[in-house]
């Protein structure tokens, strides 16, 4: 990755930190804020699991350490892969940078607090409800989606 790719990761990390700081400082956990009533609101929740609340209800003493170690491994893998990525793949470094910014954002929370602050709550009145998430989760998801698009656009690269 080049400096501009690291800058993308840093900007995503900074937006994630700022958003979480605002949520912790200003949002009352007992009073969600409706942005689009019936569809989108801000809530305050502490997620001890992984993205979108997966494994949040699983309790064991080493969970924060194992999840932090997995995030650190993901950072290492992204950095190693990005250093070896072909230079002609335009989308790939941006995909890795966005994912990196998200992974580092949640890793930072997990190391400092043992949980990740989630606050975006998407639902459809009384029906569908997506688990709460944050800016870092969005970055990871968008980064993975961009990686898939890159892989579909470059099928020959996958066979090498």
C-alpha atoms as a PDB file:
ATOM      1  CA  UNK A   1       0.000   0.000   0.000  1.00  0.00           C
ATOM      2  CA  UNK A   2       1.054   3.550  -0.644  1.00  0.00           C
ATOM      3  CA  UNK A   3       0.764   6.486   1.719  1.00  0.00           C
ATOM      4  CA  UNK A   4      -2.675   7.468   0.371  1.00  0.00           C
ATOM      5  CA  UNK A   5      -3.998   4.015   1.238  1.00  0.00           C
ATOM      6  CA  UNK A   6      -2.727   4.298   4.798  1.00  0.00           C
ATOM      7  CA  UNK A   7      -4.335   7.730   4.904  1.00  0.00           C
ATOM      8  CA  UNK A   8      -7.692   6.123   3.998  1.00  0.00           C
ATOM      9  CA  UNK A   9      -7.257   3.667   6.884  1.00  0.00           C
ATOM     10  CA  UNK A  10      -6.292   6.496   9.244  1.00  0.00           C
ATOM     11  CA  UNK A  11      -9.286   8.631   8.234  1.00  0.00           C
ATOM     12  CA  UNK A  12     -11.687   5.727   8.778  1.00  0.00           C
ATOM     13  CA  UNK A  13     -10.076   5.035  12.159  1.00  0.00           C
ATOM     14  CA  UNK A  14     -10.407   8.727  13.134  1.00  0.00           C
ATOM     15  CA  UNK A  15     -14.073   8.872  12.082  1.00  0.00           C
ATOM     16  CA  UNK A  16     -14.757   5.692  14.057  1.00  0.00           C
ATOM     17  CA  UNK A  17     -13.012   7.056  17.171  1.00  0.00           C
ATOM     18  CA  UNK A  18     -14.833  10.389  16.928  1.00  0.00           C
ATOM     19  CA  UNK A  19     -18.223   8.731  16.439  1.00  0.00           C
ATOM     20  CA  UNK A  20     -17.710   6.381  19.388  1.00  0.00           C
ATOM     21  CA  UNK A  21     -16.479   9.244  21.562  1.00  0.00           C
ATOM     22  CA  UNK A  22     -19.609  11.248  20.741  1.00  0.00           C
ATOM     23  CA  UNK A  23     -21.864   8.289  21.471  1.00  0.00           C
ATOM     24  CA  UNK A  24     -20.218   7.617  24.838  1.00  0.00           C
ATOM     25  CA  UNK A  25     -20.144  11.312  25.785  1.00  0.00           C
ATOM     26  CA  UNK A  26     -23.598  12.339  24.588  1.00  0.00           C
ATOM     27  CA  UNK A  27     -25.934   9.392  24.159  1.00  0.00           C
ATOM     28  CA  UNK A  28     -27.977   8.208  27.109  1.00  0.00           C
ATOM     29  CA  UNK A  29     -28.028   4.375  27.001  1.00  0.00           C
ATOM     30  CA  UNK A  30     -31.664   4.459  28.116  1.00  0.00           C
ATOM     31  CA  UNK A  31     -32.801   6.891  25.406  1.00  0.00           C
ATOM     32  CA  UNK A  32     -32.114   5.930  21.776  1.00  0.00           C
ATOM     33  CA  UNK A  33     -32.233   8.698  19.203  1.00  0.00           C
ATOM     34  CA  UNK A  34     -34.470   8.077  16.197  1.00  0.00           C
ATOM     35  CA  UNK A  35     -32.890   9.297  12.978  1.00  0.00           C
ATOM     36  CA  UNK A  36     -35.517   7.794  10.682  1.00  0.00           C
ATOM     37  CA  UNK A  37     -38.374   6.641  12.932  1.00  0.00           C
ATOM     38  CA  UNK A  38     -39.169   2.984  12.429  1.00  0.00           C
ATOM     39  CA  UNK A  39     -35.948   2.330  10.500  1.00  0.00           C
ATOM     40  CA  UNK A  40     -32.760   3.876  11.862  1.00  0.00           C
ATOM     41  CA  UNK A  41     -31.693   5.068  15.284  1.00  0.00           C
ATOM     42  CA  UNK A  42     -28.621   5.626  17.413  1.00  0.00           C
ATOM     43  CA  UNK A  43     -28.341   3.495  20.526  1.00  0.00           C
ATOM     44  CA  UNK A  44     -25.536   2.825  22.982  1.00  0.00           C
ATOM     45  CA  UNK A  45     -24.457  -0.774  23.362  1.00  0.00           C
ATOM     46  CA  UNK A  46     -21.277  -2.488  24.504  1.00  0.00           C
ATOM     47  CA  UNK A  47     -20.460  -5.426  22.245  1.00  0.00           C
ATOM     48  CA  UNK A  48     -18.121  -8.025  23.725  1.00  0.00           C
ATOM     49  CA  UNK A  49     -18.507 -10.202  20.626  1.00  0.00           C
ATOM     50  CA  UNK A  50     -17.392  -9.643  17.065  1.00  0.00           C
ATOM     51  CA  UNK A  51     -18.975  -7.619  14.255  1.00  0.00           C
ATOM     52  CA  UNK A  52     -22.731  -7.132  14.469  1.00  0.00           C
ATOM     53  CA  UNK A  53     -22.885  -8.666  17.946  1.00  0.00           C
ATOM     54  CA  UNK A  54     -21.915 -12.201  16.940  1.00  0.00           C
ATOM     55  CA  UNK A  55     -20.771 -14.185  19.997  1.00  0.00           C
ATOM     56  CA  UNK A  56     -21.738 -11.312  22.319  1.00  0.00           C
ATOM     57  CA  UNK A  57     -23.662 -13.687  24.581  1.00  0.00           C
ATOM     58  CA  UNK A  58     -20.801 -16.206  24.780  1.00  0.00           C
ATOM     59  CA  UNK A  59     -19.063 -15.737  28.118  1.00  0.00           C
ATOM     60  CA  UNK A  60     -15.569 -16.906  28.986  1.00  0.00           C
ATOM     61  CA  UNK A  61     -12.708 -15.042  30.661  1.00  0.00           C
ATOM     62  CA  UNK A  62     -10.287 -15.055  27.723  1.00  0.00           C
ATOM     63  CA  UNK A  63     -12.769 -13.833  25.105  1.00  0.00           C
ATOM     64  CA  UNK A  64     -11.514 -10.194  24.958  1.00  0.00           C
ATOM     65  CA  UNK A  65      -7.916 -11.383  24.649  1.00  0.00           C
ATOM     66  CA  UNK A  66      -8.694 -13.955  21.953  1.00  0.00           C
ATOM     67  CA  UNK A  67     -10.742 -11.455  19.934  1.00  0.00           C
ATOM     68  CA  UNK A  68      -7.991  -8.828  20.271  1.00  0.00           C
ATOM     69  CA  UNK A  69      -5.420 -11.397  19.129  1.00  0.00           C
ATOM     70  CA  UNK A  70      -7.582 -12.269  16.112  1.00  0.00           C
ATOM     71  CA  UNK A  71      -7.825  -8.570  15.238  1.00  0.00           C
ATOM     72  CA  UNK A  72      -4.049  -8.190  15.571  1.00  0.00           C
ATOM     73  CA  UNK A  73      -3.613 -11.206  13.285  1.00  0.00           C
ATOM     74  CA  UNK A  74      -6.031  -9.635  10.773  1.00  0.00           C
ATOM     75  CA  UNK A  75      -3.963  -6.425  10.801  1.00  0.00           C
ATOM     76  CA  UNK A  76      -0.780  -8.415  10.190  1.00  0.00           C
ATOM     77  CA  UNK A  77      -2.372 -10.382   7.351  1.00  0.00           C
ATOM     78  CA  UNK A  78      -3.684  -7.213   5.697  1.00  0.00           C
ATOM     79  CA  UNK A  79      -0.272  -5.526   5.940  1.00  0.00           C
ATOM     80  CA  UNK A  80       1.603  -8.567   4.614  1.00  0.00           C
ATOM     81  CA  UNK A  81      -0.870  -9.123   1.787  1.00  0.00           C
ATOM     82  CA  UNK A  82      -0.858  -5.449   0.830  1.00  0.00           C
ATOM     83  CA  UNK A  83       2.950  -5.452   0.652  1.00  0.00           C
ATOM     84  CA  UNK A  84       2.832  -8.375  -1.799  1.00  0.00           C
ATOM     85  CA  UNK A  85      -0.214  -7.267  -3.802  1.00  0.00           C
ATOM     86  CA  UNK A  86       0.260  -6.670  -7.521  1.00  0.00           C
ATOM     87  CA  UNK A  87       0.754  -2.989  -8.353  1.00  0.00           C
ATOM     88  CA  UNK A  88      -1.741  -3.099 -11.246  1.00  0.00           C
ATOM     89  CA  UNK A  89      -4.721  -3.836  -8.971  1.00  0.00           C
ATOM     90  CA  UNK A  90      -6.239  -0.385  -8.382  1.00  0.00           C
ATOM     91  CA  UNK A  91      -9.168  -1.408  -6.145  1.00  0.00           C
ATOM     92  CA  UNK A  92      -7.273  -3.904  -3.985  1.00  0.00           C
ATOM     93  CA  UNK A  93      -5.197  -1.478  -1.868  1.00  0.00           C
ATOM     94  CA  UNK A  94      -8.262   0.660  -1.132  1.00  0.00           C
ATOM     95  CA  UNK A  95     -10.244  -2.422  -0.129  1.00  0.00           C
ATOM     96  CA  UNK A  96      -7.442  -3.457   2.222  1.00  0.00           C
ATOM     97  CA  UNK A  97      -7.110   0.083   3.592  1.00  0.00           C
ATOM     98  CA  UNK A  98     -10.816   0.394   4.408  1.00  0.00           C
ATOM     99  CA  UNK A  99     -10.826  -3.025   6.078  1.00  0.00           C
ATOM    100  CA  UNK A 100      -7.631  -2.129   7.964  1.00  0.00           C
ATOM    101  CA  UNK A 101      -9.134   1.093   9.315  1.00  0.00           C
ATOM    102  CA  UNK A 102     -12.156  -0.842  10.575  1.00  0.00           C
ATOM    103  CA  UNK A 103     -10.168  -3.658  12.146  1.00  0.00           C
ATOM    104  CA  UNK A 104      -7.866  -1.202  13.929  1.00  0.00           C
ATOM    105  CA  UNK A 105     -10.850   0.838  15.150  1.00  0.00           C
ATOM    106  CA  UNK A 106     -12.468  -2.132  16.849  1.00  0.00           C
ATOM    107  CA  UNK A 107      -9.109  -3.512  18.008  1.00  0.00           C
ATOM    108  CA  UNK A 108      -8.422  -0.213  19.764  1.00  0.00           C
ATOM    109  CA  UNK A 109     -11.724  -0.467  21.683  1.00  0.00           C
ATOM    110  CA  UNK A 110     -11.234  -4.099  22.540  1.00  0.00           C
ATOM    111  CA  UNK A 111      -7.730  -3.576  23.951  1.00  0.00           C
ATOM    112  CA  UNK A 112      -8.651  -0.471  25.963  1.00  0.00           C
ATOM    113  CA  UNK A 113     -12.111  -1.479  27.179  1.00  0.00           C
ATOM    114  CA  UNK A 114     -12.651  -5.194  26.557  1.00  0.00           C
ATOM    115  CA  UNK A 115     -15.666  -4.376  24.351  1.00  0.00           C
ATOM    116  CA  UNK A 116     -16.599  -2.387  21.270  1.00  0.00           C
ATOM    117  CA  UNK A 117     -19.104   0.468  21.311  1.00  0.00           C
ATOM    118  CA  UNK A 118     -21.882  -0.125  18.770  1.00  0.00           C
ATOM    119  CA  UNK A 119     -24.477   2.532  18.055  1.00  0.00           C
ATOM    120  CA  UNK A 120     -26.081   2.250  14.613  1.00  0.00           C
ATOM    121  CA  UNK A 121     -29.365   0.365  14.881  1.00  0.00           C
ATOM    122  CA  UNK A 122     -31.154  -0.494  11.632  1.00  0.00           C
ATOM    123  CA  UNK A 123     -34.599  -2.081  11.722  1.00  0.00           C
ATOM    124  CA  UNK A 124     -37.872  -2.206   9.856  1.00  0.00           C
ATOM    125  CA  UNK A 125     -40.892  -1.546  12.047  1.00  0.00           C
ATOM    126  CA  UNK A 126     -41.605  -4.667  14.033  1.00  0.00           C
ATOM    127  CA  UNK A 127     -40.023  -6.949  11.437  1.00  0.00           C
ATOM    128  CA  UNK A 128     -36.415  -7.089  10.368  1.00  0.00           C
ATOM    129  CA  UNK A 129     -33.782  -5.989  12.883  1.00  0.00           C
ATOM    130  CA  UNK A 130     -30.076  -5.898  12.046  1.00  0.00           C
ATOM    131  CA  UNK A 131     -27.726  -6.124  15.049  1.00  0.00           C
ATOM    132  CA  UNK A 132     -26.210  -2.813  16.165  1.00  0.00           C
ATOM    133  CA  UNK A 133     -22.920  -1.880  14.538  1.00  0.00           C
ATOM    134  CA  UNK A 134     -20.447   1.010  14.256  1.00  0.00           C
ATOM    135  CA  UNK A 135     -18.290   2.844  11.722  1.00  0.00           C
ATOM    136  CA  UNK A 136     -15.464   0.296  12.053  1.00  0.00           C
ATOM    137  CA  UNK A 137     -17.849  -2.602  11.339  1.00  0.00           C
ATOM    138  CA  UNK A 138     -19.031  -0.715   8.265  1.00  0.00           C
ATOM    139  CA  UNK A 139     -15.427  -0.263   7.130  1.00  0.00           C
ATOM    140  CA  UNK A 140     -14.708  -3.965   7.528  1.00  0.00           C
ATOM    141  CA  UNK A 141     -17.865  -4.881   5.613  1.00  0.00           C
ATOM    142  CA  UNK A 142     -17.181  -2.388   2.812  1.00  0.00           C
ATOM    143  CA  UNK A 143     -13.538  -3.515   2.625  1.00  0.00           C
ATOM    144  CA  UNK A 144     -14.559  -7.164   2.269  1.00  0.00           C
ATOM    145  CA  UNK A 145     -17.167  -6.242  -0.368  1.00  0.00           C
ATOM    146  CA  UNK A 146     -14.504  -4.325  -2.314  1.00  0.00           C
ATOM    147  CA  UNK A 147     -12.159  -7.321  -2.020  1.00  0.00           C
ATOM    148  CA  UNK A 148     -14.863  -9.531  -3.534  1.00  0.00           C
ATOM    149  CA  UNK A 149     -15.433  -7.056  -6.365  1.00  0.00           C
ATOM    150  CA  UNK A 150     -11.680  -6.933  -6.982  1.00  0.00           C
ATOM    151  CA  UNK A 151     -11.516 -10.739  -7.057  1.00  0.00           C
ATOM    152  CA  UNK A 152     -14.388 -10.903  -9.555  1.00  0.00           C
ATOM    153  CA  UNK A 153     -12.738  -8.274 -11.759  1.00  0.00           C
ATOM    154  CA  UNK A 154      -9.397 -10.095 -11.667  1.00  0.00           C
ATOM    155  CA  UNK A 155     -10.177 -13.842 -11.888  1.00  0.00           C
ATOM    156  CA  UNK A 156      -6.781 -14.643 -13.461  1.00  0.00           C
ATOM    157  CA  UNK A 157      -5.009 -13.227 -10.410  1.00  0.00           C
ATOM    158  CA  UNK A 158      -6.756 -15.760  -8.180  1.00  0.00           C
ATOM    159  CA  UNK A 159      -5.217 -18.718 -10.076  1.00  0.00           C
ATOM    160  CA  UNK A 160      -1.618 -17.573  -9.698  1.00  0.00           C
END
